[in-house]
């Protein structure tokens, strides 16, 4: 993850650190849209794998840049998240409500 992050931020061209924050919201919506539009139309088709990979990549790029701007690595986030969800699963609160469970 960290190697990807370093390679991704080499391509970053923005002056305002809010750029990847705003773009992350847009790209996340575009990723969701790949699933939502067919669902709303009632299509029985699964989303195209290439579309999911493309939009997920845009989400990942923006996340990588946002975190790098804050001196946080993707590895750090991934490791923290796995520990958090494993702890919740162990305590039987994985599907609970709220952030602090």
Protein backbone atom coordinates (compact mmCIF):
# COMPACT_ATOMS: atom_id res chain seq x y z
CA UNK A 1 0.00 0.00 0.00
CA UNK A 2 2.78 2.42 0.85
CA UNK A 3 4.54 1.80 -2.47
CA UNK A 4 1.30 2.59 -4.29
CA UNK A 5 0.86 5.72 -2.20
CA UNK A 6 4.34 6.99 -3.01
CA UNK A 7 3.84 6.34 -6.72
CA UNK A 8 0.38 7.92 -6.70
CA UNK A 9 1.43 11.16 -5.02
CA UNK A 10 4.20 11.62 -7.59
CA UNK A 11 1.44 12.35 -10.10
CA UNK A 12 -0.41 14.81 -7.85
CA UNK A 13 -0.69 18.32 -9.24
CA UNK A 14 -2.71 20.54 -6.94
CA UNK A 15 -1.97 23.55 -4.76
CA UNK A 16 -4.88 23.38 -2.35
CA UNK A 17 -4.84 20.45 0.09
CA UNK A 18 -8.63 20.42 -0.05
CA UNK A 19 -8.45 19.17 -3.66
CA UNK A 20 -8.13 15.45 -2.79
CA UNK A 21 -10.78 15.83 -0.08
CA UNK A 22 -13.31 17.27 -2.52
CA UNK A 23 -12.26 14.92 -5.31
CA UNK A 24 -12.56 11.92 -2.98
CA UNK A 25 -16.22 12.78 -2.43
CA UNK A 26 -16.84 13.08 -6.17
CA UNK A 27 -14.99 9.90 -7.07
CA UNK A 28 -16.71 7.94 -4.27
CA UNK A 29 -20.04 9.04 -5.67
CA UNK A 30 -18.97 7.96 -9.16
CA UNK A 31 -18.00 4.53 -7.79
CA UNK A 32 -21.36 4.20 -6.06
CA UNK A 33 -23.08 5.33 -9.26
CA UNK A 34 -21.65 2.31 -11.11
CA UNK A 35 -23.85 0.19 -8.82
CA UNK A 36 -26.75 2.55 -8.21
CA UNK A 37 -27.75 3.41 -11.78
CA UNK A 38 -28.36 -0.20 -12.85
CA UNK A 39 -30.17 -0.87 -9.58
CA UNK A 40 -32.43 2.16 -10.04
CA UNK A 41 -33.19 1.10 -13.63
CA UNK A 42 -33.96 -2.42 -12.47
CA UNK A 43 -31.25 -3.93 -14.64
CA UNK A 44 -30.22 -7.47 -13.86
CA UNK A 45 -26.70 -6.74 -15.06
CA UNK A 46 -23.79 -6.61 -12.67
CA UNK A 47 -21.61 -3.51 -12.98
CA UNK A 48 -18.76 -3.83 -15.43
CA UNK A 49 -15.62 -4.94 -13.62
CA UNK A 50 -13.53 -2.42 -15.56
CA UNK A 51 -15.79 0.42 -14.40
CA UNK A 52 -15.52 -0.67 -10.77
CA UNK A 53 -11.73 -0.99 -11.00
CA UNK A 54 -11.41 2.42 -12.68
CA UNK A 55 -13.58 4.32 -10.22
CA UNK A 56 -12.13 2.50 -7.20
CA UNK A 57 -8.68 3.48 -8.45
CA UNK A 58 -9.71 7.12 -8.55
CA UNK A 59 -10.99 6.83 -4.98
CA UNK A 60 -7.74 5.19 -3.89
CA UNK A 61 -5.62 7.87 -5.59
CA UNK A 62 -7.44 10.67 -3.81
CA UNK A 63 -7.28 8.86 -0.48
CA UNK A 64 -3.55 8.26 -0.95
CA UNK A 65 -2.95 11.96 -1.63
CA UNK A 66 -5.17 13.18 1.20
CA UNK A 67 -3.38 10.92 3.68
CA UNK A 68 0.08 11.80 2.38
CA UNK A 69 -0.74 15.49 2.88
CA UNK A 70 -1.42 14.60 6.52
CA UNK A 71 1.72 12.43 6.84
CA UNK A 72 -0.38 9.27 7.21
CA UNK A 73 0.37 6.11 5.24
CA UNK A 74 -2.17 3.81 3.63
CA UNK A 75 -0.51 0.95 5.54
CA UNK A 76 -1.16 2.72 8.84
CA UNK A 77 -4.83 3.19 7.99
CA UNK A 78 -5.25 -0.39 6.76
CA UNK A 79 -3.55 -1.89 9.83
CA UNK A 80 -5.59 0.28 12.21
CA UNK A 81 -8.84 -0.59 10.46
CA UNK A 82 -8.22 -4.35 10.52
CA UNK A 83 -7.43 -4.24 14.25
CA UNK A 84 -10.55 -2.17 14.89
CA UNK A 85 -12.92 -4.45 12.99
CA UNK A 86 -11.31 -7.62 14.41
CA UNK A 87 -11.82 -6.22 17.92
CA UNK A 88 -15.47 -5.43 17.13
CA UNK A 89 -16.00 -8.92 15.73
CA UNK A 90 -14.38 -10.47 18.81
CA UNK A 91 -16.69 -8.46 21.06
CA UNK A 92 -19.76 -9.24 18.93
CA UNK A 93 -20.43 -5.61 18.00
CA UNK A 94 -19.38 -5.68 14.36
CA UNK A 95 -22.91 -4.80 13.23
CA UNK A 96 -23.62 -2.43 16.11
CA UNK A 97 -24.44 1.22 15.80
CA UNK A 98 -22.16 4.17 16.36
CA UNK A 99 -18.45 4.69 15.99
CA UNK A 100 -17.36 3.88 19.51
CA UNK A 101 -18.50 0.32 20.08
